[in-house]
């Protein structure tokens, strides 16, 4: 697959069922972080606001969600039933994506980025 130019192009490259999940994920992120800029980074959809917030990507058997290590650590209990690594969680493609949890993680990351930006500005 060639590198997508935008999120619409990225999503359109997947089977219909996966597209449905990706569209729901995208809408959830945009609703939770309406001020975030949607970009393609590392070949996948990503959201920036005072730094990178989250990324997502589709694979054959799962949808990867990348909120960074802090996003995984802060929601460790809620993510316990999913496969996780330091900065990633995998949602099986044959199960619904936990959209309310995604929204909470995105809002957590927004707050975290805002606090980092505030601290940087105070050090100047």
C-alpha atoms as a PDB file:
ATOM      1  CA  UNK A   1       0.000   0.000   0.000  1.00  0.00           C
ATOM      2  CA  UNK A   2       1.381   3.435  -0.871  1.00  0.00           C
ATOM      3  CA  UNK A   3       1.602   6.169   1.733  1.00  0.00           C
ATOM      4  CA  UNK A   4      -1.774   7.839   2.241  1.00  0.00           C
ATOM      5  CA  UNK A   5      -2.041  11.591   1.636  1.00  0.00           C
ATOM      6  CA  UNK A   6      -4.718  12.050   4.305  1.00  0.00           C
ATOM      7  CA  UNK A   7      -6.909  10.128   6.747  1.00  0.00           C
ATOM      8  CA  UNK A   8      -9.712   9.608   4.207  1.00  0.00           C
ATOM      9  CA  UNK A   9      -7.248   7.947   1.830  1.00  0.00           C
ATOM     10  CA  UNK A  10      -5.852   5.846   4.678  1.00  0.00           C
ATOM     11  CA  UNK A  11      -9.279   4.592   5.777  1.00  0.00           C
ATOM     12  CA  UNK A  12     -10.458   3.866   2.214  1.00  0.00           C
ATOM     13  CA  UNK A  13      -7.640   1.325   1.799  1.00  0.00           C
ATOM     14  CA  UNK A  14      -9.239  -1.166   4.199  1.00  0.00           C
ATOM     15  CA  UNK A  15     -12.189  -3.614   4.069  1.00  0.00           C
ATOM     16  CA  UNK A  16     -15.638  -2.169   4.846  1.00  0.00           C
ATOM     17  CA  UNK A  17     -15.894  -3.541   8.389  1.00  0.00           C
ATOM     18  CA  UNK A  18     -12.454  -2.178   9.285  1.00  0.00           C
ATOM     19  CA  UNK A  19     -13.344   1.154   7.655  1.00  0.00           C
ATOM     20  CA  UNK A  20     -16.423   1.363   9.871  1.00  0.00           C
ATOM     21  CA  UNK A  21     -14.298   0.922  13.024  1.00  0.00           C
ATOM     22  CA  UNK A  22     -11.673   3.390  11.782  1.00  0.00           C
ATOM     23  CA  UNK A  23     -14.337   6.004  11.011  1.00  0.00           C
ATOM     24  CA  UNK A  24     -15.841   5.578  14.489  1.00  0.00           C
ATOM     25  CA  UNK A  25     -12.396   5.887  16.052  1.00  0.00           C
ATOM     26  CA  UNK A  26     -11.636   9.002  14.015  1.00  0.00           C
ATOM     27  CA  UNK A  27     -14.967  10.630  14.930  1.00  0.00           C
ATOM     28  CA  UNK A  28     -14.410   9.840  18.621  1.00  0.00           C
ATOM     29  CA  UNK A  29     -10.935  11.401  18.595  1.00  0.00           C
ATOM     30  CA  UNK A  30     -12.166  14.503  16.721  1.00  0.00           C
ATOM     31  CA  UNK A  31     -15.064  14.943  19.162  1.00  0.00           C
ATOM     32  CA  UNK A  32     -12.788  14.537  22.203  1.00  0.00           C
ATOM     33  CA  UNK A  33     -10.131  16.864  20.745  1.00  0.00           C
ATOM     34  CA  UNK A  34     -11.830  19.228  18.270  1.00  0.00           C
ATOM     35  CA  UNK A  35      -8.858  21.618  18.401  1.00  0.00           C
ATOM     36  CA  UNK A  36      -6.383  18.897  17.358  1.00  0.00           C
ATOM     37  CA  UNK A  37      -4.857  18.921  13.883  1.00  0.00           C
ATOM     38  CA  UNK A  38      -5.330  15.721  11.889  1.00  0.00           C
ATOM     39  CA  UNK A  39      -2.154  14.657  10.077  1.00  0.00           C
ATOM     40  CA  UNK A  40      -0.492  11.596   8.604  1.00  0.00           C
ATOM     41  CA  UNK A  41       2.625  10.713  10.584  1.00  0.00           C
ATOM     42  CA  UNK A  42       4.665   7.525  10.242  1.00  0.00           C
ATOM     43  CA  UNK A  43       2.193   6.552   7.494  1.00  0.00           C
ATOM     44  CA  UNK A  44      -0.833   6.548   9.824  1.00  0.00           C
ATOM     45  CA  UNK A  45      -3.506   8.999  10.988  1.00  0.00           C
ATOM     46  CA  UNK A  46      -2.329  11.108  13.907  1.00  0.00           C
ATOM     47  CA  UNK A  47      -3.554  14.069  15.935  1.00  0.00           C
ATOM     48  CA  UNK A  48      -1.463  17.007  17.108  1.00  0.00           C
ATOM     49  CA  UNK A  49      -2.185  19.640  19.702  1.00  0.00           C
ATOM     50  CA  UNK A  50       0.708  21.098  21.672  1.00  0.00           C
ATOM     51  CA  UNK A  51       2.655  18.079  20.424  1.00  0.00           C
ATOM     52  CA  UNK A  52       1.510  14.670  19.275  1.00  0.00           C
ATOM     53  CA  UNK A  53      -1.616  13.333  20.975  1.00  0.00           C
ATOM     54  CA  UNK A  54      -2.494   9.932  19.517  1.00  0.00           C
ATOM     55  CA  UNK A  55      -2.125   7.803  16.384  1.00  0.00           C
ATOM     56  CA  UNK A  56      -4.131   4.883  15.046  1.00  0.00           C
ATOM     57  CA  UNK A  57      -3.546   2.227  12.410  1.00  0.00           C
ATOM     58  CA  UNK A  58      -5.313  -0.793  10.953  1.00  0.00           C
ATOM     59  CA  UNK A  59      -3.830  -4.245  10.642  1.00  0.00           C
ATOM     60  CA  UNK A  60      -5.220  -7.556   9.467  1.00  0.00           C
ATOM     61  CA  UNK A  61      -6.366  -8.747  12.910  1.00  0.00           C
ATOM     62  CA  UNK A  62      -6.422  -5.583  15.025  1.00  0.00           C
ATOM     63  CA  UNK A  63      -6.614  -1.820  15.157  1.00  0.00           C
ATOM     64  CA  UNK A  64      -3.641  -0.255  16.855  1.00  0.00           C
ATOM     65  CA  UNK A  65      -4.139   2.818  19.024  1.00  0.00           C
ATOM     66  CA  UNK A  66      -1.057   4.739  20.097  1.00  0.00           C
ATOM     67  CA  UNK A  67      -1.589   7.181  22.989  1.00  0.00           C
ATOM     68  CA  UNK A  68       2.022   6.954  24.155  1.00  0.00           C
ATOM     69  CA  UNK A  69       3.314   5.266  27.283  1.00  0.00           C
ATOM     70  CA  UNK A  70       1.581   7.714  29.639  1.00  0.00           C
ATOM     71  CA  UNK A  71      -1.795   7.065  27.995  1.00  0.00           C
ATOM     72  CA  UNK A  72      -1.349   3.308  28.399  1.00  0.00           C
ATOM     73  CA  UNK A  73      -0.121   3.570  32.001  1.00  0.00           C
ATOM     74  CA  UNK A  74      -2.947   5.892  33.109  1.00  0.00           C
ATOM     75  CA  UNK A  75      -5.632   3.506  31.823  1.00  0.00           C
ATOM     76  CA  UNK A  76      -3.883   0.226  32.620  1.00  0.00           C
ATOM     77  CA  UNK A  77      -6.897  -1.292  34.446  1.00  0.00           C
ATOM     78  CA  UNK A  78      -9.386  -0.388  31.695  1.00  0.00           C
ATOM     79  CA  UNK A  79      -7.020  -1.743  29.027  1.00  0.00           C
ATOM     80  CA  UNK A  80      -6.258  -4.988  30.886  1.00  0.00           C
ATOM     81  CA  UNK A  81      -8.424  -7.118  28.581  1.00  0.00           C
ATOM     82  CA  UNK A  82      -6.523  -5.942  25.479  1.00  0.00           C
ATOM     83  CA  UNK A  83      -3.028  -6.659  24.245  1.00  0.00           C
ATOM     84  CA  UNK A  84      -0.833  -3.684  25.158  1.00  0.00           C
ATOM     85  CA  UNK A  85       2.808  -2.704  25.028  1.00  0.00           C
ATOM     86  CA  UNK A  86       4.585   0.399  26.315  1.00  0.00           C
ATOM     87  CA  UNK A  87       2.738   2.898  24.089  1.00  0.00           C
ATOM     88  CA  UNK A  88       0.224   0.780  22.165  1.00  0.00           C
ATOM     89  CA  UNK A  89      -3.045  -1.034  22.604  1.00  0.00           C
ATOM     90  CA  UNK A  90      -4.509  -3.506  20.112  1.00  0.00           C
ATOM     91  CA  UNK A  91      -8.259  -3.781  19.586  1.00  0.00           C
ATOM     92  CA  UNK A  92      -9.294  -6.971  17.719  1.00  0.00           C
ATOM     93  CA  UNK A  93     -11.008  -6.135  14.402  1.00  0.00           C
ATOM     94  CA  UNK A  94     -13.857  -8.534  15.174  1.00  0.00           C
ATOM     95  CA  UNK A  95     -14.823  -6.684  18.383  1.00  0.00           C
ATOM     96  CA  UNK A  96     -16.245  -3.172  18.850  1.00  0.00           C
ATOM     97  CA  UNK A  97     -13.639  -0.515  19.640  1.00  0.00           C
ATOM     98  CA  UNK A  98     -14.263   0.860  23.191  1.00  0.00           C
ATOM     99  CA  UNK A  99     -15.055   4.400  22.027  1.00  0.00           C
ATOM    100  CA  UNK A 100     -15.884   5.932  25.453  1.00  0.00           C
ATOM    101  CA  UNK A 101     -12.494   4.722  26.720  1.00  0.00           C
ATOM    102  CA  UNK A 102     -10.759   6.150  23.631  1.00  0.00           C
ATOM    103  CA  UNK A 103     -12.397   9.531  24.317  1.00  0.00           C
ATOM    104  CA  UNK A 104     -11.169   9.493  27.934  1.00  0.00           C
ATOM    105  CA  UNK A 105      -7.626   8.609  26.859  1.00  0.00           C
ATOM    106  CA  UNK A 106      -7.611  11.410  24.245  1.00  0.00           C
ATOM    107  CA  UNK A 107      -8.828  13.940  26.833  1.00  0.00           C
ATOM    108  CA  UNK A 108      -6.133  12.734  29.227  1.00  0.00           C
ATOM    109  CA  UNK A 109      -3.487  13.261  26.531  1.00  0.00           C
ATOM    110  CA  UNK A 110      -4.872  16.760  25.758  1.00  0.00           C
ATOM    111  CA  UNK A 111      -4.519  17.726  29.411  1.00  0.00           C
ATOM    112  CA  UNK A 112      -1.046  16.210  29.571  1.00  0.00           C
ATOM    113  CA  UNK A 113       0.135  18.114  26.479  1.00  0.00           C
ATOM    114  CA  UNK A 114      -1.387  21.336  27.780  1.00  0.00           C
ATOM    115  CA  UNK A 115       0.446  20.938  31.102  1.00  0.00           C
ATOM    116  CA  UNK A 116       3.770  20.256  29.316  1.00  0.00           C
ATOM    117  CA  UNK A 117       3.307  23.365  27.155  1.00  0.00           C
ATOM    118  CA  UNK A 118       2.467  25.455  30.218  1.00  0.00           C
ATOM    119  CA  UNK A 119       5.568  24.212  32.055  1.00  0.00           C
ATOM    120  CA  UNK A 120       7.781  24.998  29.053  1.00  0.00           C
ATOM    121  CA  UNK A 121       6.383  28.531  28.832  1.00  0.00           C
ATOM    122  CA  UNK A 122       6.992  29.077  32.553  1.00  0.00           C
ATOM    123  CA  UNK A 123      10.667  28.067  32.193  1.00  0.00           C
ATOM    124  CA  UNK A 124      11.331  30.732  29.546  1.00  0.00           C
END
